[in-house]
Amino acid sequence: TVIQTEVEGTAIQTKGNVVDGQSIQSNSPSMSIPEKDWLIRAPKSSSSRQIGELGYLSAHDEIAKTHYAFVAYTEIDLKRQRWSFGVAAKGCASLKVDPYRSLRSKISKAAVKGLP
């Protein structure tokens, strides 16, 4: 299920129908953008990584005559059994977050302080 909400001309879609344990109902089913019409997609899964799309957001800047689109996704490295979070983007830079990098330093600091 793809659900879309409009916020000041920006289309926001999430895959699925549950957020924080609450069921979501779309108030405007006519606003839904079919996945085939998305301007950008997450990277493809392969034998070494599994990709899961989380949500899609698109917007149009009328003054600059530019479309922006973002798709959030999770990536699981099947060999190392580690996951990361990414945002593929059209119209600006994409990003990828490896939680293990930031967590490693925080865990090390907490261990030095004797925290759990």
Foldseek 3Di string as FASTA:
>chain_A
DWAWDDDPQKTKIFPDQADPNDGHDHPDPVPDDPPVPAPDDDDDADPQKDKDWTIKMKHADPVVRDIKIKIKIKMAGNVVRAIKIWIDMDPDDIDIGRVVVVVVVVVVVCVVVVHD
